[in-house]
Amino acid sequence: MSSSLKLQKRLAASVLGCGKRKVWLDPNEINEISMANSRKNIKKLVKDGFVIKKPQKMHSRARTRLRLEAKRKGRHSGFGKRKGTRNARMPTKVLWIKRMRVLRRLLRKYRAQKKIDKSLYHELYMKVKGNGFKNKHVLMEFIFKAKTEQTHNKTLEDQAAAHRARNKAARERRQKRQLERQRGFGAGEQVKGKN
């Protein structure tokens, strides 16, 4: 293409809103195109079909999609594909934050459902903060054991309280009987003394 159409190509690119490489000038109408030296003239040529915007070339994402699908399955992530350190790729702090949020959410949920009382909640909260539980499952197991132990201790306490109450009642009855016996014994002596 002659350099005389440089201006026309630039103007056409501006009018069509694309790059110069996307502009097609009709080789049969070179004379008419070379006469156009303003945007208005170029617009007329576009209308007549002597200047055309080339269609966009195909840029398929099929291969990219396939690769992403494979990456989701864990492929293409061996040592050769890694650039950053382990901590740069997945920071330990982020893992810690995620774990804390999961465990604290579980504790809040259990407290709201009255599965744990506030004292046990606080105790477990501090244990969670001190890295006492590896994951949710371990925490749930610990809560189950703690609740079982609490129930067992409460049962034992209730039994002990009942036992104490029984003993106290028996002691009071015994003392009452002894008093009555003493009174009866004292009254019998008085009667004898009068006789």
Protein backbone atom coordinates (compact mmCIF):
# COMPACT_ATOMS: atom_id res chain seq x y z
CA MET A 1 0.00 0.00 0.00
CA SER A 2 1.38 3.42 -0.95
CA SER A 3 2.36 5.82 1.80
CA SER A 4 -0.12 8.35 0.39
CA LEU A 5 -2.93 6.52 2.21
CA LYS A 6 -1.28 6.89 5.62
CA LEU A 7 -3.45 9.87 6.54
CA GLN A 8 -6.63 8.17 5.35
CA LYS A 9 -5.78 5.06 7.38
CA ARG A 10 -5.18 7.13 10.54
CA LEU A 11 -8.40 9.08 10.09
CA ALA A 12 -10.35 5.90 9.37
CA ALA A 13 -8.97 4.26 12.53
CA SER A 14 -10.04 7.30 14.54
CA VAL A 15 -13.54 7.34 12.97
CA LEU A 16 -14.09 3.58 13.34
CA GLY A 17 -12.67 3.53 16.89
CA CYS A 18 -10.08 0.83 16.27
CA GLY A 19 -6.38 0.44 15.46
CA LYS A 20 -4.85 1.14 12.04
CA ARG A 21 -4.19 -2.57 11.53
CA LYS A 22 -7.94 -3.23 11.69
CA VAL A 23 -8.76 -0.77 8.87
CA TRP A 24 -9.39 -2.22 5.36
CA LEU A 25 -9.20 0.13 2.41
CA ASP A 26 -10.73 -1.10 -0.86
CA PRO A 27 -7.80 -1.58 -3.32
CA ASN A 28 -10.13 -0.95 -6.30
CA GLU A 29 -11.10 2.50 -5.00
CA ILE A 30 -7.65 3.82 -4.12
CA ASN A 31 -8.10 6.97 -6.18
CA GLU A 32 -11.30 7.97 -4.44
CA ILE A 33 -9.89 7.07 -1.00
CA SER A 34 -6.74 9.13 -1.59
CA MET A 35 -8.94 12.17 -2.27
CA ALA A 36 -10.50 11.94 1.22
CA ASN A 37 -8.60 14.19 3.60
CA SER A 38 -11.13 14.83 6.37
CA ARG A 39 -13.16 12.79 8.84
CA LYS A 40 -16.35 13.79 7.05
CA ASN A 41 -15.08 12.30 3.77
CA ILE A 42 -13.89 9.15 5.55
CA LYS A 43 -17.33 8.72 7.16
CA LYS A 44 -18.86 8.88 3.66
CA LEU A 45 -16.43 6.23 2.41
CA VAL A 46 -17.33 4.00 5.40
CA LYS A 47 -21.00 4.44 4.51
CA ASP A 48 -20.28 3.49 0.89
CA GLY A 49 -18.32 0.42 2.04
CA PHE A 50 -14.93 1.45 0.63
CA VAL A 51 -13.43 1.58 4.14
CA ILE A 52 -14.27 -1.31 6.47
CA LYS A 53 -13.36 -2.27 10.04
CA LYS A 54 -11.92 -5.79 9.92
CA PRO A 55 -13.62 -8.34 12.22
CA GLN A 56 -11.86 -9.33 15.43
CA LYS A 57 -9.69 -12.41 15.16
CA MET A 58 -10.62 -15.51 17.14
CA HIS A 59 -8.92 -15.79 20.54
CA SER A 60 -10.11 -19.09 21.95
CA ARG A 61 -10.14 -19.71 25.70
CA ALA A 62 -10.80 -23.45 25.32
CA ARG A 63 -7.23 -24.44 26.25
CA THR A 64 -7.25 -22.01 29.19
CA ARG A 65 -10.52 -23.43 30.48
CA LEU A 66 -9.20 -26.99 30.24
CA ARG A 67 -6.06 -26.02 32.14
CA LEU A 68 -8.01 -24.23 34.87
CA GLU A 69 -10.26 -27.27 35.26
CA ALA A 70 -7.18 -29.46 35.68
CA LYS A 71 -5.67 -26.98 38.18
CA ARG A 72 -8.85 -27.17 40.25
CA LYS A 73 -8.23 -30.91 40.51
CA GLY A 74 -4.72 -30.17 41.76
CA ARG A 75 -2.71 -30.72 38.57
CA HIS A 76 0.16 -28.47 37.40
CA SER A 77 1.12 -27.46 40.93
CA GLY A 78 4.29 -29.44 41.58
CA PHE A 79 7.61 -28.00 42.76
CA GLY A 80 8.50 -26.93 39.22
CA LYS A 81 5.44 -24.69 38.98
CA ARG A 82 5.93 -22.90 42.32
CA LYS A 83 7.57 -19.48 42.51
CA GLY A 84 6.94 -18.19 46.05
CA THR A 85 7.72 -19.83 49.39
CA ARG A 86 5.06 -21.90 51.14
CA ASN A 87 4.29 -19.00 53.46
CA ALA A 88 4.00 -16.60 50.51
CA ARG A 89 1.59 -18.92 48.66
CA MET A 90 -0.64 -19.56 51.67
CA PRO A 91 0.37 -17.52 54.75
CA THR A 92 0.26 -19.30 58.10
CA LYS A 93 -1.43 -16.22 59.55
CA VAL A 94 -4.33 -16.55 57.10
CA LEU A 95 -4.71 -20.23 58.05
CA TRP A 96 -4.66 -19.26 61.74
CA ILE A 97 -7.32 -16.56 61.22
CA LYS A 98 -9.56 -19.01 59.32
CA ARG A 99 -9.20 -21.64 62.07
CA MET A 100 -9.90 -19.11 64.85
CA ARG A 101 -13.02 -17.87 63.08
CA VAL A 102 -14.37 -21.39 62.56
CA LEU A 103 -13.77 -22.43 66.20
CA ARG A 104 -15.07 -19.18 67.71
CA ARG A 105 -18.17 -19.34 65.51
CA LEU A 106 -18.85 -22.86 66.81
CA LEU A 107 -18.44 -21.72 70.44
CA ARG A 108 -20.83 -18.79 69.90
CA LYS A 109 -23.37 -21.10 68.27
CA TYR A 110 -23.20 -23.60 71.15
CA ARG A 111 -23.52 -20.82 73.73
CA ALA A 112 -26.58 -19.41 71.92
CA GLN A 113 -28.15 -22.88 71.81
CA LYS A 114 -27.44 -23.29 75.57
CA LYS A 115 -25.31 -26.35 74.87
CA ILE A 116 -22.51 -24.79 76.93
CA ASP A 117 -22.74 -22.29 79.80
CA LYS A 118 -20.76 -19.06 79.87
CA SER A 119 -18.03 -20.36 82.19
CA LEU A 120 -17.31 -23.35 79.92
CA TYR A 121 -17.53 -20.99 76.92
CA HIS A 122 -14.85 -18.74 78.41
CA GLU A 123 -12.62 -21.68 79.32
CA LEU A 124 -12.87 -23.11 75.79
CA TYR A 125 -12.40 -19.67 74.20
CA MET A 126 -9.08 -19.26 75.99
CA LYS A 127 -8.05 -22.81 75.06
CA VAL A 128 -8.85 -22.06 71.40
CA LYS A 129 -6.78 -18.88 71.61
CA GLY A 130 -3.89 -20.87 73.06
CA ASN A 131 -3.87 -23.26 70.07
CA GLY A 132 -5.48 -26.06 72.06
CA PHE A 133 -7.62 -27.44 69.24
CA LYS A 134 -6.41 -28.48 65.80
CA ASN A 135 -9.84 -28.31 64.15
CA LYS A 136 -13.59 -28.16 64.68
CA HIS A 137 -13.94 -31.92 65.13
CA VAL A 138 -11.43 -32.01 68.01
CA LEU A 139 -13.21 -29.09 69.72
CA MET A 140 -16.62 -30.77 69.37
CA GLU A 141 -15.22 -33.98 70.90
CA PHE A 142 -13.72 -32.02 73.78
CA ILE A 143 -17.04 -30.23 74.43
CA PHE A 144 -18.89 -33.57 74.41
CA LYS A 145 -16.43 -35.04 76.94
CA ALA A 146 -16.54 -31.91 79.11
CA LYS A 147 -20.36 -31.95 79.15
CA THR A 148 -20.41 -35.67 80.02
CA GLU A 149 -17.96 -35.04 82.86
CA GLN A 150 -20.01 -32.07 84.08
CA THR A 151 -23.18 -34.18 84.09
CA HIS A 152 -21.37 -36.99 85.92
CA ASN A 153 -19.97 -34.58 88.55
CA LYS A 154 -23.41 -33.00 89.01
CA THR A 155 -24.96 -36.44 89.53
CA LEU A 156 -22.30 -37.31 92.10
CA GLU A 157 -22.84 -33.96 93.87
CA ASP A 158 -26.61 -34.49 93.92
CA GLN A 159 -26.13 -37.99 95.31
CA ALA A 160 -23.74 -36.69 97.99
CA ALA A 161 -26.19 -33.89 98.90
CA ALA A 162 -29.05 -36.40 99.14
CA HIS A 163 -26.84 -38.69 101.27
CA ARG A 164 -25.95 -35.78 103.57
CA ALA A 165 -29.60 -34.78 103.86
CA ARG A 166 -30.56 -38.41 104.71
CA ASN A 167 -27.82 -38.64 107.31
CA LYS A 168 -28.83 -35.31 108.84
CA ALA A 169 -32.46 -36.36 109.03
CA ALA A 170 -31.47 -39.69 110.62
CA ARG A 171 -29.20 -37.88 113.10
CA GLU A 172 -32.01 -35.49 114.05
CA ARG A 173 -34.43 -38.40 114.54
CA ARG A 174 -31.88 -40.21 116.70
CA GLN A 175 -31.30 -37.11 118.81
CA LYS A 176 -35.05 -36.61 119.16
CA ARG A 177 -35.52 -40.22 120.30
CA GLN A 178 -32.65 -39.87 122.79
CA LEU A 179 -34.20 -36.66 124.20
CA GLU A 180 -37.59 -38.31 124.52
CA ARG A 181 -36.03 -41.34 126.19
CA GLN A 182 -34.13 -39.10 128.62
CA ARG A 183 -37.28 -37.14 129.39
CA GLY A 184 -39.24 -40.36 129.92
CA PHE A 185 -36.45 -41.73 132.04
CA GLY A 186 -36.34 -38.51 134.10
CA ALA A 187 -40.12 -38.48 134.57
CA GLY A 188 -40.08 -42.13 135.74
CA GLU A 189 -37.44 -41.31 138.40
CA GLN A 190 -39.53 -38.40 139.67
CA VAL A 191 -42.54 -40.67 140.04
CA LYS A 192 -40.45 -43.20 141.95
CA GLY A 193 -39.08 -40.42 144.22
CA LYS A 194 -42.64 -39.29 145.11
CA ASN A 195 -43.62 -42.82 146.02
